[in-house]
């Protein structure tokens, strides 16, 4: 049987203090409410991953980015009991234009900067794991998510 999968893009913005931007999520039981997470979103039908990254960044943070400012990329195949199978593409950017703000108040209650070497325990675990693996030089990994944690 063929299995379908979804794809999402994730944005890593790091400041001069080696901190990354995280969002406090709002939502239903299937969307990790109250967890901290990277800005992210689905790739829509007909979009490529760069187009989705640009769109999601504008929608969520009201900032503009350029593909030339991507300094790192890594991919996670995520098998998730609650959500199905995903290919998650993580992009780290060196620059952006505008002022970061919460642009979708129905999905995000706060923005915080967190040390990338000491990520908070209330961050979505598979995102924490993906960042840790990337820091070890692993650019493609497979992560199983059995429940929200």
N, C-alpha and C. Protein backbone atom coordinates (compact mmCIF):
# COMPACT_ATOMS: atom_id res chain seq x y z
N UNK A 1 0.84 -1.18 0.00
CA UNK A 1 0.00 0.00 0.00
C UNK A 1 0.89 1.24 0.00
N UNK A 2 0.56 2.20 -0.86
CA UNK A 2 1.29 3.47 -0.89
C UNK A 2 0.93 4.28 0.34
N UNK A 3 1.95 4.93 0.89
CA UNK A 3 1.69 5.82 2.01
C UNK A 3 1.92 7.25 1.54
N UNK A 4 1.01 8.12 1.89
CA UNK A 4 1.21 9.53 1.55
C UNK A 4 1.93 10.22 2.70
N UNK A 5 2.50 11.35 2.41
CA UNK A 5 3.18 12.11 3.45
C UNK A 5 2.93 13.60 3.23
N UNK A 6 3.16 14.35 4.28
CA UNK A 6 3.05 15.80 4.24
C UNK A 6 4.44 16.40 4.41
N UNK A 7 4.58 17.64 4.05
CA UNK A 7 5.85 18.34 4.24
C UNK A 7 5.61 19.67 4.94
N UNK A 8 6.55 20.00 5.79
CA UNK A 8 6.51 21.28 6.50
C UNK A 8 7.88 21.93 6.44
N UNK A 9 7.87 23.25 6.58
CA UNK A 9 9.11 24.02 6.66
C UNK A 9 9.21 24.63 8.05
N UNK A 10 10.43 24.71 8.55
CA UNK A 10 10.72 25.26 9.87
C UNK A 10 11.77 26.34 9.73
N UNK A 11 11.61 27.41 10.48
CA UNK A 11 12.50 28.56 10.40
C UNK A 11 13.32 28.67 11.68
N UNK A 12 14.64 28.74 11.51
CA UNK A 12 15.53 28.98 12.64
C UNK A 12 16.18 30.34 12.42
N UNK A 13 15.89 31.25 13.34
CA UNK A 13 16.53 32.56 13.36
C UNK A 13 17.35 32.62 14.64
N UNK A 14 18.64 32.86 14.48
CA UNK A 14 19.53 32.91 15.63
C UNK A 14 20.01 34.35 15.82
N UNK A 15 20.02 34.83 17.05
CA UNK A 15 20.51 36.18 17.31
C UNK A 15 21.99 36.15 17.71
N UNK A 16 22.54 37.32 18.03
CA UNK A 16 23.96 37.43 18.36
C UNK A 16 24.32 36.75 19.67
N UNK A 17 23.33 36.38 20.48
CA UNK A 17 23.57 35.70 21.76
C UNK A 17 23.43 34.17 21.64
N UNK A 18 23.41 33.66 20.41
CA UNK A 18 23.26 32.23 20.15
C UNK A 18 21.89 31.71 20.61
N UNK A 19 20.90 32.59 20.57
CA UNK A 19 19.53 32.22 20.93
C UNK A 19 18.70 32.10 19.66
N UNK A 20 17.73 31.18 19.68
CA UNK A 20 16.83 31.03 18.55
C UNK A 20 15.42 31.47 18.95
N UNK A 21 14.67 31.90 17.96
CA UNK A 21 13.32 32.40 18.18
C UNK A 21 12.35 31.22 18.25
N UNK A 22 11.54 31.21 19.31
CA UNK A 22 10.50 30.20 19.47
C UNK A 22 9.16 30.88 19.71
N UNK A 23 8.09 30.16 19.36
CA UNK A 23 6.73 30.64 19.55
C UNK A 23 6.02 29.77 20.58
N UNK A 24 5.19 30.38 21.40
CA UNK A 24 4.31 29.62 22.30
C UNK A 24 3.03 29.36 21.53
N UNK A 25 2.73 28.08 21.29
CA UNK A 25 1.61 27.69 20.43
C UNK A 25 0.26 27.77 21.16
N UNK A 26 -0.76 28.10 20.40
CA UNK A 26 -2.16 28.05 20.83
C UNK A 26 -2.85 27.12 19.85
N UNK A 27 -3.80 26.35 20.31
CA UNK A 27 -4.51 25.51 19.35
C UNK A 27 -5.21 24.34 20.02
N UNK A 28 -5.66 23.43 19.18
CA UNK A 28 -6.38 22.27 19.68
C UNK A 28 -5.39 21.20 20.15
N UNK A 29 -5.94 20.08 20.61
CA UNK A 29 -5.11 19.01 21.16
C UNK A 29 -4.14 18.42 20.16
N UNK A 30 -4.38 18.56 18.86
CA UNK A 30 -3.51 17.97 17.85
C UNK A 30 -2.39 18.91 17.41
N UNK A 31 -2.35 20.11 17.94
CA UNK A 31 -1.35 21.07 17.47
C UNK A 31 -0.40 21.54 18.56
N UNK A 32 -0.15 20.70 19.56
CA UNK A 32 0.81 21.00 20.61
C UNK A 32 0.52 22.32 21.35
N UNK A 33 -0.69 22.49 21.90
CA UNK A 33 -1.00 23.74 22.60
C UNK A 33 -0.08 23.95 23.80
N UNK A 34 0.32 25.19 23.98
CA UNK A 34 1.17 25.65 25.08
C UNK A 34 2.62 25.21 24.99
N UNK A 35 2.99 24.47 23.95
CA UNK A 35 4.39 24.11 23.76
C UNK A 35 5.11 25.25 23.02
N UNK A 36 6.41 25.33 23.24
CA UNK A 36 7.25 26.21 22.45
C UNK A 36 7.65 25.49 21.18
N UNK A 37 7.74 26.24 20.08
CA UNK A 37 8.04 25.63 18.79
C UNK A 37 8.72 26.64 17.89
N UNK A 38 9.43 26.12 16.90
CA UNK A 38 9.97 26.98 15.85
C UNK A 38 8.82 27.51 14.99
N UNK A 39 8.96 28.69 14.42
CA UNK A 39 7.99 29.10 13.41
C UNK A 39 8.00 28.08 12.27
N UNK A 40 6.82 27.65 11.84
CA UNK A 40 6.75 26.57 10.85
C UNK A 40 5.39 26.56 10.18
N UNK A 41 5.31 25.78 9.11
CA UNK A 41 4.02 25.61 8.45
C UNK A 41 4.11 24.60 7.33
N UNK A 42 2.95 24.20 6.85
CA UNK A 42 2.87 23.22 5.77
C UNK A 42 3.24 23.83 4.42
N UNK A 43 3.78 22.97 3.57
CA UNK A 43 3.99 23.34 2.17
C UNK A 43 2.67 23.08 1.45
N UNK A 44 2.10 24.12 0.86
CA UNK A 44 0.83 23.99 0.16
C UNK A 44 1.01 23.34 -1.20
N UNK A 45 -0.06 22.75 -1.68
CA UNK A 45 -0.05 22.13 -3.01
C UNK A 45 0.39 23.17 -4.04
N UNK A 46 1.36 22.79 -4.87
CA UNK A 46 1.86 23.68 -5.91
C UNK A 46 3.03 24.55 -5.48
N UNK A 47 3.34 24.60 -4.18
CA UNK A 47 4.46 25.40 -3.67
C UNK A 47 5.72 24.55 -3.61
N UNK A 48 6.87 25.20 -3.77
CA UNK A 48 8.10 24.52 -3.41
C UNK A 48 8.46 24.94 -1.98
N UNK A 49 9.49 24.33 -1.42
CA UNK A 49 9.81 24.58 -0.02
C UNK A 49 10.26 26.02 0.23
N UNK A 50 10.96 26.63 -0.72
CA UNK A 50 11.36 28.02 -0.55
C UNK A 50 10.15 28.95 -0.53
N UNK A 51 9.22 28.73 -1.43
CA UNK A 51 8.00 29.55 -1.47
C UNK A 51 7.23 29.42 -0.16
N UNK A 52 7.14 28.20 0.35
CA UNK A 52 6.43 27.98 1.62
C UNK A 52 7.14 28.69 2.77
N UNK A 53 8.47 28.62 2.78
CA UNK A 53 9.24 29.28 3.84
C UNK A 53 9.01 30.80 3.82
N UNK A 54 9.08 31.39 2.64
CA UNK A 54 8.85 32.84 2.52
C UNK A 54 7.44 33.19 2.97
N UNK A 55 6.44 32.42 2.51
CA UNK A 55 5.05 32.70 2.86
C UNK A 55 4.81 32.55 4.36
N UNK A 56 5.26 31.43 4.93
CA UNK A 56 5.03 31.17 6.35
C UNK A 56 5.73 32.20 7.23
N UNK A 57 6.92 32.61 6.85
CA UNK A 57 7.65 33.61 7.63
C UNK A 57 6.89 34.93 7.66
N UNK A 58 6.36 35.34 6.51
CA UNK A 58 5.58 36.57 6.44
C UNK A 58 4.28 36.43 7.24
N UNK A 59 3.58 35.28 7.05
CA UNK A 59 2.31 35.07 7.75
C UNK A 59 2.48 35.06 9.27
N UNK A 60 3.50 34.38 9.76
CA UNK A 60 3.64 34.18 11.20
C UNK A 60 4.38 35.31 11.91
N UNK A 61 5.41 35.87 11.27
CA UNK A 61 6.29 36.82 11.96
C UNK A 61 6.29 38.21 11.34
N UNK A 62 5.66 38.38 10.17
CA UNK A 62 5.61 39.65 9.46
C UNK A 62 7.00 40.18 9.11
N UNK A 63 7.91 39.26 8.75
CA UNK A 63 9.22 39.67 8.27
C UNK A 63 9.43 39.10 6.87
N UNK A 64 10.36 39.71 6.15
CA UNK A 64 10.70 39.27 4.80
C UNK A 64 12.06 38.59 4.83
N UNK A 65 12.18 37.52 4.06
CA UNK A 65 13.44 36.80 3.98
C UNK A 65 13.82 36.58 2.53
N UNK A 66 15.11 36.29 2.32
CA UNK A 66 15.61 35.98 0.98
C UNK A 66 16.28 34.61 1.03
N UNK A 67 16.11 33.84 -0.01
CA UNK A 67 16.69 32.51 -0.09
C UNK A 67 18.21 32.57 0.06
N UNK A 68 18.83 33.63 -0.44
CA UNK A 68 20.29 33.78 -0.34
C UNK A 68 20.77 33.84 1.11
N UNK A 69 19.86 34.13 2.04
CA UNK A 69 20.24 34.25 3.45
C UNK A 69 20.14 32.93 4.21
N UNK A 70 19.80 31.84 3.53
CA UNK A 70 19.78 30.52 4.17
C UNK A 70 21.23 30.08 4.39
N UNK A 71 21.57 29.77 5.65
CA UNK A 71 22.94 29.36 5.96
C UNK A 71 23.02 27.88 6.36
N UNK A 72 21.89 27.24 6.61
CA UNK A 72 21.90 25.82 6.95
C UNK A 72 20.54 25.23 6.62
N UNK A 73 20.55 23.97 6.22
CA UNK A 73 19.32 23.24 5.91
C UNK A 73 19.50 21.80 6.36
N UNK A 74 18.46 21.23 6.98
CA UNK A 74 18.47 19.81 7.29
C UNK A 74 17.05 19.28 7.24
N UNK A 75 16.93 17.96 7.11
CA UNK A 75 15.63 17.33 6.87
C UNK A 75 15.40 16.21 7.89
N UNK A 76 14.16 16.11 8.33
CA UNK A 76 13.75 15.04 9.24
C UNK A 76 12.55 14.31 8.63
N UNK A 77 12.66 12.99 8.56
CA UNK A 77 11.47 12.19 8.24
C UNK A 77 10.83 11.88 9.59
N UNK A 78 9.63 12.39 9.76
CA UNK A 78 8.93 12.24 11.05
C UNK A 78 7.74 11.31 10.87
N UNK A 79 7.77 10.18 11.57
CA UNK A 79 6.61 9.30 11.61
C UNK A 79 5.88 9.61 12.90
N UNK A 80 4.66 10.06 12.76
CA UNK A 80 3.93 10.60 13.90
C UNK A 80 2.59 9.90 14.06
N UNK A 81 2.38 9.30 15.23
CA UNK A 81 1.08 8.68 15.52
C UNK A 81 -0.05 9.70 15.42
N UNK A 82 0.11 10.85 16.06
CA UNK A 82 -1.04 11.78 16.01
C UNK A 82 -1.24 12.47 14.66
N UNK A 83 -0.18 12.61 13.84
CA UNK A 83 -0.28 13.45 12.64
C UNK A 83 0.04 12.78 11.32
N UNK A 84 0.56 11.57 11.31
CA UNK A 84 0.94 10.92 10.05
C UNK A 84 2.41 11.13 9.75
N UNK A 85 2.81 10.81 8.52
CA UNK A 85 4.21 10.90 8.13
C UNK A 85 4.51 12.25 7.48
N UNK A 86 5.63 12.84 7.90
CA UNK A 86 6.05 14.15 7.40
C UNK A 86 7.49 14.10 6.94
N UNK A 87 7.81 14.96 6.00
CA UNK A 87 9.18 15.34 5.72
C UNK A 87 9.29 16.80 6.12
N UNK A 88 10.06 17.04 7.17
CA UNK A 88 10.23 18.38 7.73
C UNK A 88 11.55 18.96 7.26
N UNK A 89 11.51 20.16 6.69
CA UNK A 89 12.70 20.82 6.20
C UNK A 89 12.98 22.03 7.09
N UNK A 90 14.15 22.02 7.71
CA UNK A 90 14.54 23.07 8.63
C UNK A 90 15.54 23.99 7.92
N UNK A 91 15.28 25.29 7.99
CA UNK A 91 16.13 26.30 7.36
C UNK A 91 16.61 27.27 8.43
N UNK A 92 17.92 27.50 8.48
CA UNK A 92 18.45 28.55 9.34
C UNK A 92 18.83 29.73 8.47
N UNK A 93 18.42 30.92 8.90
CA UNK A 93 18.66 32.15 8.15
C UNK A 93 19.65 33.04 8.87
N UNK A 94 20.44 33.77 8.08
CA UNK A 94 21.40 34.70 8.65
C UNK A 94 20.84 36.11 8.76
N UNK A 95 19.74 36.39 8.04
CA UNK A 95 19.26 37.77 8.00
C UNK A 95 17.79 37.79 7.61
N UNK A 96 17.13 38.88 7.92
CA UNK A 96 15.75 39.12 7.51
C UNK A 96 15.50 40.62 7.53
N UNK A 97 14.39 41.04 6.95
CA UNK A 97 14.02 42.44 6.92
C UNK A 97 12.72 42.62 7.68
N UNK A 98 12.68 43.64 8.54
CA UNK A 98 11.48 43.92 9.32
C UNK A 98 11.70 43.66 10.79
N UNK A 99 10.62 43.82 11.54
CA UNK A 99 10.65 43.59 12.99
C UNK A 99 9.79 42.37 13.31
N UNK A 100 10.39 41.41 13.98
CA UNK A 100 9.67 40.18 14.33
C UNK A 100 8.52 40.52 15.28
N UNK A 101 7.33 40.00 14.93
CA UNK A 101 6.18 40.19 15.81
C UNK A 101 5.22 39.01 15.63
N UNK A 102 4.31 38.85 16.57
CA UNK A 102 3.27 37.84 16.44
C UNK A 102 2.27 38.35 15.42
N UNK A 103 2.15 37.65 14.33
CA UNK A 103 1.26 38.09 13.26
C UNK A 103 -0.01 37.24 13.18
N UNK A 104 -0.01 36.09 13.85
CA UNK A 104 -1.18 35.22 13.88
C UNK A 104 -1.52 34.92 15.34
N UNK A 105 -2.22 35.86 15.96
CA UNK A 105 -2.51 35.76 17.39
C UNK A 105 -3.41 34.58 17.76
N UNK A 106 -4.09 34.00 16.77
CA UNK A 106 -4.92 32.83 17.04
C UNK A 106 -4.09 31.55 17.16
N UNK A 107 -2.80 31.60 16.77
CA UNK A 107 -1.93 30.42 16.81
C UNK A 107 -0.74 30.58 17.75
N UNK A 108 -0.46 31.80 18.18
CA UNK A 108 0.76 32.06 18.95
C UNK A 108 0.47 33.09 20.04
N UNK A 109 0.89 32.77 21.28
CA UNK A 109 0.64 33.71 22.38
C UNK A 109 1.87 34.52 22.78
N UNK A 110 3.08 34.02 22.45
CA UNK A 110 4.29 34.78 22.78
C UNK A 110 5.46 34.32 21.92
N UNK A 111 6.42 35.21 21.79
CA UNK A 111 7.69 34.92 21.12
C UNK A 111 8.79 35.04 22.16
N UNK A 112 9.70 34.07 22.18
CA UNK A 112 10.82 34.14 23.13
C UNK A 112 12.10 33.69 22.43
N UNK A 113 13.22 34.18 22.94
CA UNK A 113 14.53 33.77 22.46
C UNK A 113 15.10 32.80 23.47
N UNK A 114 15.61 31.66 22.98
CA UNK A 114 16.15 30.62 23.85
C UNK A 114 17.53 30.19 23.37
N UNK A 115 18.42 29.92 24.30
CA UNK A 115 19.76 29.45 23.99
C UNK A 115 19.69 28.13 23.23
N UNK A 116 20.29 28.09 22.05
CA UNK A 116 20.23 26.87 21.22
C UNK A 116 20.95 25.70 21.89
N UNK A 117 21.85 25.98 22.82
CA UNK A 117 22.55 24.91 23.53
C UNK A 117 21.83 24.48 24.80
N UNK A 118 20.73 25.12 25.12
CA UNK A 118 19.97 24.80 26.33
C UNK A 118 18.48 25.02 26.03
N UNK A 119 17.94 24.22 25.11
CA UNK A 119 16.55 24.40 24.68
C UNK A 119 15.60 23.99 25.81
N UNK A 120 14.49 24.71 25.96
CA UNK A 120 13.58 24.46 27.08
C UNK A 120 12.86 23.11 26.97
N UNK A 121 12.54 22.54 28.12
CA UNK A 121 11.87 21.23 28.15
C UNK A 121 10.45 21.31 27.61
N UNK A 122 9.85 22.49 27.57
CA UNK A 122 8.50 22.61 27.02
C UNK A 122 8.49 22.96 25.54
N UNK A 123 9.64 22.78 24.88
CA UNK A 123 9.70 22.88 23.42
C UNK A 123 9.28 21.53 22.84
N UNK A 124 8.62 21.53 21.70
CA UNK A 124 8.21 20.28 21.07
C UNK A 124 9.44 19.39 20.93
N UNK A 125 9.34 18.17 21.45
CA UNK A 125 10.51 17.29 21.56
C UNK A 125 11.14 16.95 20.21
N UNK A 126 10.36 16.63 19.19
CA UNK A 126 10.99 16.25 17.92
C UNK A 126 11.73 17.43 17.30
N UNK A 127 11.31 18.66 17.57
CA UNK A 127 12.05 19.82 17.09
C UNK A 127 13.37 19.97 17.84
N UNK A 128 13.32 19.79 19.17
CA UNK A 128 14.55 19.81 19.98
C UNK A 128 15.52 18.75 19.47
N UNK A 129 15.00 17.53 19.27
CA UNK A 129 15.84 16.42 18.81
C UNK A 129 16.46 16.72 17.45
N UNK A 130 15.68 17.28 16.54
CA UNK A 130 16.18 17.60 15.20
C UNK A 130 17.33 18.61 15.27
N UNK A 131 17.18 19.63 16.10
CA UNK A 131 18.23 20.64 16.26
C UNK A 131 19.49 20.01 16.85
N UNK A 132 19.33 19.15 17.85
CA UNK A 132 20.49 18.49 18.47
C UNK A 132 21.21 17.61 17.45
N UNK A 133 20.47 16.86 16.65
CA UNK A 133 21.10 16.01 15.63
C UNK A 133 21.84 16.85 14.60
N UNK A 134 21.25 17.96 14.19
CA UNK A 134 21.91 18.84 13.23
C UNK A 134 23.21 19.40 13.81
N UNK A 135 23.20 19.76 15.08
CA UNK A 135 24.41 20.27 15.71
C UNK A 135 25.52 19.22 15.74
N UNK A 136 25.14 17.93 15.65
CA UNK A 136 26.12 16.84 15.59
C UNK A 136 26.55 16.56 14.15
N UNK A 137 26.03 17.36 13.20
CA UNK A 137 26.40 17.20 11.80
C UNK A 137 25.49 16.26 11.02
N UNK A 138 24.41 15.82 11.63
CA UNK A 138 23.47 14.90 10.96
C UNK A 138 22.44 15.73 10.22
N UNK A 139 22.48 15.69 8.89
CA UNK A 139 21.63 16.53 8.05
C UNK A 139 20.34 15.86 7.63
N UNK A 140 20.24 14.55 7.82
CA UNK A 140 18.99 13.83 7.58
C UNK A 140 18.81 12.83 8.71
N UNK A 141 17.61 12.84 9.30
CA UNK A 141 17.34 11.90 10.38
C UNK A 141 15.89 11.45 10.31
N UNK A 142 15.62 10.35 10.99
CA UNK A 142 14.26 9.81 11.11
C UNK A 142 13.88 9.84 12.58
N UNK A 143 12.74 10.43 12.87
CA UNK A 143 12.28 10.55 14.26
C UNK A 143 10.86 10.01 14.33
N UNK A 144 10.62 9.12 15.30
CA UNK A 144 9.27 8.60 15.54
C UNK A 144 8.64 9.38 16.68
N UNK A 145 7.42 9.84 16.47
CA UNK A 145 6.68 10.59 17.48
C UNK A 145 5.45 9.75 17.82
N UNK A 146 5.45 9.20 19.03
CA UNK A 146 4.34 8.33 19.42
C UNK A 146 3.21 9.10 20.07
N UNK A 147 3.52 10.25 20.66
CA UNK A 147 2.52 11.10 21.28
C UNK A 147 3.07 12.51 21.35
N UNK A 148 2.22 13.45 21.67
CA UNK A 148 2.70 14.83 21.82
C UNK A 148 3.53 14.92 23.09
N UNK A 149 4.74 15.44 22.96
CA UNK A 149 5.59 15.65 24.12
C UNK A 149 6.61 16.72 23.84
